[in-house]
């Protein structure tokens, strides 16, 4: 089965073998990541503190490696026309675009920035609403629709496609976008991740930073390094649960 999957991936099943301007997404992702990184570096040099958004950006960028086993479980194939990592591993999608780390950085920064903004707005308007309810009300539709916009368009132009789908899907000439799996598990992941990002102590500190002892570290580069490491660990662990869910799903049906 793995051998067939590799063959399907490299041949792109005919659908994503001829994508529309794949360089747009590839170069665009690199450019967006560099611009965002430069902004956060400048901000850090000025303040000596990593903002929550900078930490999201750092953590999200490091999650990219989990995409490849998650894609294997979700039957996702990238176009071989992208620049690919020259590596093949079992139980991973065969075509591994080199732009993945950059895309993870801007993709998740964008969605979490929007979600956190509207969660704050909602809780300010309804101060008695629980954090969990506010996050669920905002993050659930945002994640589902945001993913549909990005991945739906990518399927339309043949940048990637879901080779097998379970339940209803939107089918284009160059690709297919499923409406149930893995989109619903991904949305659940987004809600859980947002709950983590909004989990703070009474004085506004993020609980996850206790993982590395950053909350008790003296101010300075060491403290910020500990903070970044805590966010990397926490974000990778939570996204890893989503990747594991798709991975196990495919194993169960195989």
Protein backbone atom coordinates (compact mmCIF):
# COMPACT_ATOMS: atom_id res chain seq x y z
CA UNK A 1 0.00 0.00 0.00
CA UNK A 2 2.83 2.37 0.82
CA UNK A 3 4.45 1.63 -2.52
CA UNK A 4 1.23 2.47 -4.37
CA UNK A 5 0.86 5.64 -2.32
CA UNK A 6 4.35 6.79 -3.27
CA UNK A 7 3.63 6.11 -6.94
CA UNK A 8 0.34 7.96 -6.78
CA UNK A 9 2.04 10.88 -5.08
CA UNK A 10 4.90 11.26 -7.51
CA UNK A 11 2.61 10.88 -10.50
CA UNK A 12 0.17 13.29 -8.83
CA UNK A 13 -2.73 11.15 -9.99
CA UNK A 14 -2.87 13.37 -13.07
CA UNK A 15 -4.76 16.07 -11.15
CA UNK A 16 -2.00 18.14 -9.55
CA UNK A 17 0.56 17.31 -12.21
CA UNK A 18 -0.19 20.61 -13.95
CA UNK A 19 -0.83 23.24 -11.25
CA UNK A 20 -1.53 26.89 -12.02
CA UNK A 21 1.50 29.06 -11.23
CA UNK A 22 2.82 27.01 -8.29
CA UNK A 23 5.65 29.51 -7.87
CA UNK A 24 3.13 32.08 -6.62
CA UNK A 25 2.47 30.11 -3.45
CA UNK A 26 6.07 28.98 -3.12
CA UNK A 27 7.74 32.38 -3.47
CA UNK A 28 4.85 34.13 -1.75
CA UNK A 29 5.23 31.94 1.34
CA UNK A 30 8.97 32.60 1.54
CA UNK A 31 8.47 36.33 1.07
CA UNK A 32 5.71 36.54 3.67
CA UNK A 33 7.76 34.59 6.21
CA UNK A 34 10.86 36.76 5.72
CA UNK A 35 8.88 40.00 6.06
CA UNK A 36 7.10 38.79 9.20
CA UNK A 37 10.33 37.47 10.72
CA UNK A 38 12.10 40.77 10.02
CA UNK A 39 9.28 42.66 11.73
CA UNK A 40 9.48 40.50 14.85
CA UNK A 41 13.29 40.67 14.97
CA UNK A 42 13.13 44.45 14.80
CA UNK A 43 10.48 44.53 17.51
CA UNK A 44 12.55 42.25 19.74
CA UNK A 45 15.65 44.38 19.33
CA UNK A 46 13.63 47.41 20.35
CA UNK A 47 11.80 45.94 23.34
CA UNK A 48 13.82 42.89 24.37
CA UNK A 49 10.57 40.93 24.69
CA UNK A 50 8.91 38.45 22.33
CA UNK A 51 5.25 39.30 21.81
CA UNK A 52 2.59 36.59 21.89
CA UNK A 53 2.30 36.93 18.12
CA UNK A 54 6.04 36.42 17.67
CA UNK A 55 5.82 33.31 19.83
CA UNK A 56 2.91 31.98 17.76
CA UNK A 57 4.95 32.61 14.61
CA UNK A 58 7.97 30.79 16.01
CA UNK A 59 5.96 27.87 17.35
CA UNK A 60 3.93 27.49 14.16
CA UNK A 61 7.02 27.51 11.95
CA UNK A 62 8.49 24.60 13.90
CA UNK A 63 5.33 22.50 13.54
CA UNK A 64 5.83 21.94 9.81
CA UNK A 65 7.42 18.49 10.15
CA UNK A 66 4.16 17.10 11.53
CA UNK A 67 2.37 18.02 8.31
CA UNK A 68 3.88 15.15 6.34
CA UNK A 69 2.61 12.22 8.48
CA UNK A 70 -0.69 14.08 8.94
CA UNK A 71 -1.00 14.32 5.15
CA UNK A 72 -0.34 10.60 4.79
CA UNK A 73 -3.26 9.96 7.11
CA UNK A 74 -5.46 12.46 5.27
CA UNK A 75 -4.60 11.19 1.74
CA UNK A 76 -3.21 14.58 0.73
CA UNK A 77 -0.85 14.94 -2.25
CA UNK A 78 1.17 18.04 -3.17
CA UNK A 79 2.03 18.84 -6.74
CA UNK A 80 5.45 17.50 -7.76
CA UNK A 81 6.01 20.82 -9.55
CA UNK A 82 6.92 22.45 -6.23
CA UNK A 83 10.51 22.39 -5.01
CA UNK A 84 10.57 19.31 -2.79
CA UNK A 85 12.68 18.00 0.06
CA UNK A 86 14.80 15.17 -1.43
CA UNK A 87 13.65 12.61 1.11
CA UNK A 88 11.19 9.74 1.22
CA UNK A 89 9.95 8.30 4.48
CA UNK A 90 7.28 5.67 5.15
CA UNK A 91 3.94 6.87 6.44
CA UNK A 92 4.44 10.39 5.11
CA UNK A 93 3.09 12.15 2.04
CA UNK A 94 5.60 11.53 -0.77
CA UNK A 95 5.93 15.06 -2.16
CA UNK A 96 7.24 17.31 0.62
CA UNK A 97 7.40 20.99 -0.43
CA UNK A 98 10.33 22.99 0.90
CA UNK A 99 8.05 25.98 1.50
CA UNK A 100 6.22 24.17 4.31
CA UNK A 101 8.04 25.82 7.26
CA UNK A 102 7.44 29.28 5.80
CA UNK A 103 3.79 28.57 5.01
CA UNK A 104 3.17 27.27 8.52
CA UNK A 105 4.53 30.51 9.94
CA UNK A 106 2.24 32.90 8.08
CA UNK A 107 -0.79 30.58 7.88
CA UNK A 108 -1.16 29.98 11.60
CA UNK A 109 -0.09 33.48 12.61
CA UNK A 110 -2.85 34.89 10.41
CA UNK A 111 -5.63 32.64 11.69
CA UNK A 112 -4.67 32.84 15.37
CA UNK A 113 -4.28 36.62 15.20
CA UNK A 114 -7.81 36.94 13.83
CA UNK A 115 -9.25 34.48 16.34
CA UNK A 116 -7.57 36.09 19.35
CA UNK A 117 -8.71 39.55 18.23
CA UNK A 118 -12.34 38.47 18.02
CA UNK A 119 -12.21 36.41 21.21
CA UNK A 120 -11.01 39.52 23.05
CA UNK A 121 -13.76 41.58 21.40
CA UNK A 122 -16.43 39.07 22.37
CA UNK A 123 -15.27 38.77 25.97
CA UNK A 124 -15.06 42.56 26.28
CA UNK A 125 -18.66 42.84 25.07
CA UNK A 126 -19.78 39.93 27.28
CA UNK A 127 -17.46 39.92 30.31
CA UNK A 128 -19.40 37.15 32.05
CA UNK A 129 -18.95 34.72 29.15
CA UNK A 130 -16.52 31.91 29.89
CA UNK A 131 -13.23 31.75 28.02
CA UNK A 132 -14.01 28.25 26.76
CA UNK A 133 -17.36 29.28 25.30
CA UNK A 134 -15.92 32.42 23.69
CA UNK A 135 -13.10 30.45 22.10
CA UNK A 136 -15.46 27.75 20.83
CA UNK A 137 -17.84 30.30 19.31
CA UNK A 138 -15.05 32.15 17.47
CA UNK A 139 -12.43 29.52 16.69
CA UNK A 140 -14.78 26.84 15.34
CA UNK A 141 -16.21 28.77 12.36
CA UNK A 142 -12.98 30.71 11.79
CA UNK A 143 -10.85 27.59 11.48
CA UNK A 144 -13.33 25.78 9.26
CA UNK A 145 -13.86 28.70 6.89
CA UNK A 146 -10.19 29.79 6.85
CA UNK A 147 -9.07 26.29 5.92
CA UNK A 148 -11.76 26.05 3.26
CA UNK A 149 -10.59 29.31 1.69
CA UNK A 150 -6.89 28.40 1.60
CA UNK A 151 -7.14 24.69 0.80
CA UNK A 152 -10.20 25.03 -1.41
CA UNK A 153 -8.38 27.52 -3.61
CA UNK A 154 -5.28 25.30 -3.62
CA UNK A 155 -7.37 22.36 -4.85
CA UNK A 156 -8.93 24.59 -7.50
CA UNK A 157 -5.53 25.52 -8.96
CA UNK A 158 -3.96 22.10 -8.45
CA UNK A 159 -1.36 22.96 -5.82
CA UNK A 160 -2.50 19.97 -3.78
CA UNK A 161 -5.44 17.63 -3.54
CA UNK A 162 -7.00 14.98 -1.31
CA UNK A 163 -6.70 11.72 -3.20
CA UNK A 164 -9.35 9.91 -1.14
CA UNK A 165 -12.25 11.63 0.61
CA UNK A 166 -14.76 10.51 3.20
CA UNK A 167 -18.10 12.28 3.09
CA UNK A 168 -19.05 15.31 0.98
CA UNK A 169 -16.34 17.17 -0.91
CA UNK A 170 -15.86 19.97 -3.42
CA UNK A 171 -14.33 18.60 -6.62
CA UNK A 172 -12.50 20.66 -9.22
CA UNK A 173 -10.66 19.64 -12.38
CA UNK A 174 -7.29 19.84 -10.65
CA UNK A 175 -8.12 18.83 -7.11
CA UNK A 176 -10.59 17.89 -4.40
CA UNK A 177 -11.34 19.52 -1.05
CA UNK A 178 -13.16 17.42 1.59
CA UNK A 179 -15.76 18.99 3.85
CA UNK A 180 -15.62 16.47 6.72
CA UNK A 181 -12.28 14.67 7.10
CA UNK A 182 -9.68 15.89 8.00
CA UNK A 183 -11.29 19.33 8.19
CA UNK A 184 -13.43 18.69 11.26
CA UNK A 185 -10.55 17.15 13.28
CA UNK A 186 -8.40 20.10 12.17
CA UNK A 187 -11.06 22.51 13.42
CA UNK A 188 -11.17 20.72 16.77
CA UNK A 189 -7.38 21.05 16.95
CA UNK A 190 -7.72 24.78 16.30
CA UNK A 191 -10.15 25.21 19.19
CA UNK A 192 -7.86 23.29 21.56
CA UNK A 193 -4.83 25.28 20.46
CA UNK A 194 -6.67 28.55 20.93
CA UNK A 195 -7.70 27.49 24.43
CA UNK A 196 -4.03 26.95 25.19
CA UNK A 197 -3.08 30.33 23.75
CA UNK A 198 -5.68 32.09 25.90
CA UNK A 199 -4.91 30.18 29.11
CA UNK A 200 -3.33 32.77 31.39
CA UNK A 201 -2.61 33.40 35.04
CA UNK A 202 -4.51 36.17 36.85
CA UNK A 203 -1.62 38.56 36.11
CA UNK A 204 -1.76 37.81 32.38
CA UNK A 205 1.11 35.32 32.04
CA UNK A 206 0.74 32.29 29.79
CA UNK A 207 0.56 29.05 31.75
CA UNK A 208 2.43 27.14 29.06
CA UNK A 209 5.59 29.12 29.84
CA UNK A 210 5.85 27.21 33.11
CA UNK A 211 6.96 24.22 31.02
CA UNK A 212 10.47 25.65 30.82
CA UNK A 213 10.40 27.80 33.94
CA UNK A 214 10.24 30.99 31.90
CA UNK A 215 7.74 32.55 34.32
CA UNK A 216 10.38 32.65 37.08
CA UNK A 217 13.42 33.47 34.93
CA UNK A 218 15.09 36.89 35.20
CA UNK A 219 14.37 39.35 32.40
CA UNK A 220 16.74 38.95 29.47
CA UNK A 221 17.60 36.82 26.45
CA UNK A 222 17.55 33.65 28.55
CA UNK A 223 13.99 34.26 29.66
CA UNK A 224 12.82 34.89 26.10
CA UNK A 225 14.58 31.76 24.89
CA UNK A 226 12.78 29.75 27.57
CA UNK A 227 9.48 31.34 26.55
CA UNK A 228 10.04 30.48 22.89
CA UNK A 229 10.99 26.91 23.77
CA UNK A 230 7.84 26.50 25.88
CA UNK A 231 5.63 27.65 23.01
CA UNK A 232 7.45 25.38 20.56
CA UNK A 233 6.93 22.36 22.82
CA UNK A 234 3.28 23.12 23.57
CA UNK A 235 2.27 23.95 20.00
CA UNK A 236 4.02 20.90 18.58
CA UNK A 237 2.41 18.61 21.16
CA UNK A 238 -1.10 19.85 20.43
CA UNK A 239 -0.68 19.82 16.65
CA UNK A 240 0.91 16.40 17.04
CA UNK A 241 -2.39 15.12 18.46
CA UNK A 242 -4.15 16.22 15.26
CA UNK A 243 -1.46 14.59 13.10
CA UNK A 244 -1.80 11.41 15.14
CA UNK A 245 -5.58 11.39 14.66
CA UNK A 246 -5.29 11.36 10.86
CA UNK A 247 -2.45 8.85 11.00
CA UNK A 248 -4.46 6.44 13.15
CA UNK A 249 -7.53 6.92 10.98
CA UNK A 250 -5.69 5.72 7.91
CA UNK A 251 -4.17 2.79 9.76
CA UNK A 252 -7.61 1.72 10.96
CA UNK A 253 -9.18 1.74 7.50
CA UNK A 254 -6.21 0.17 5.71
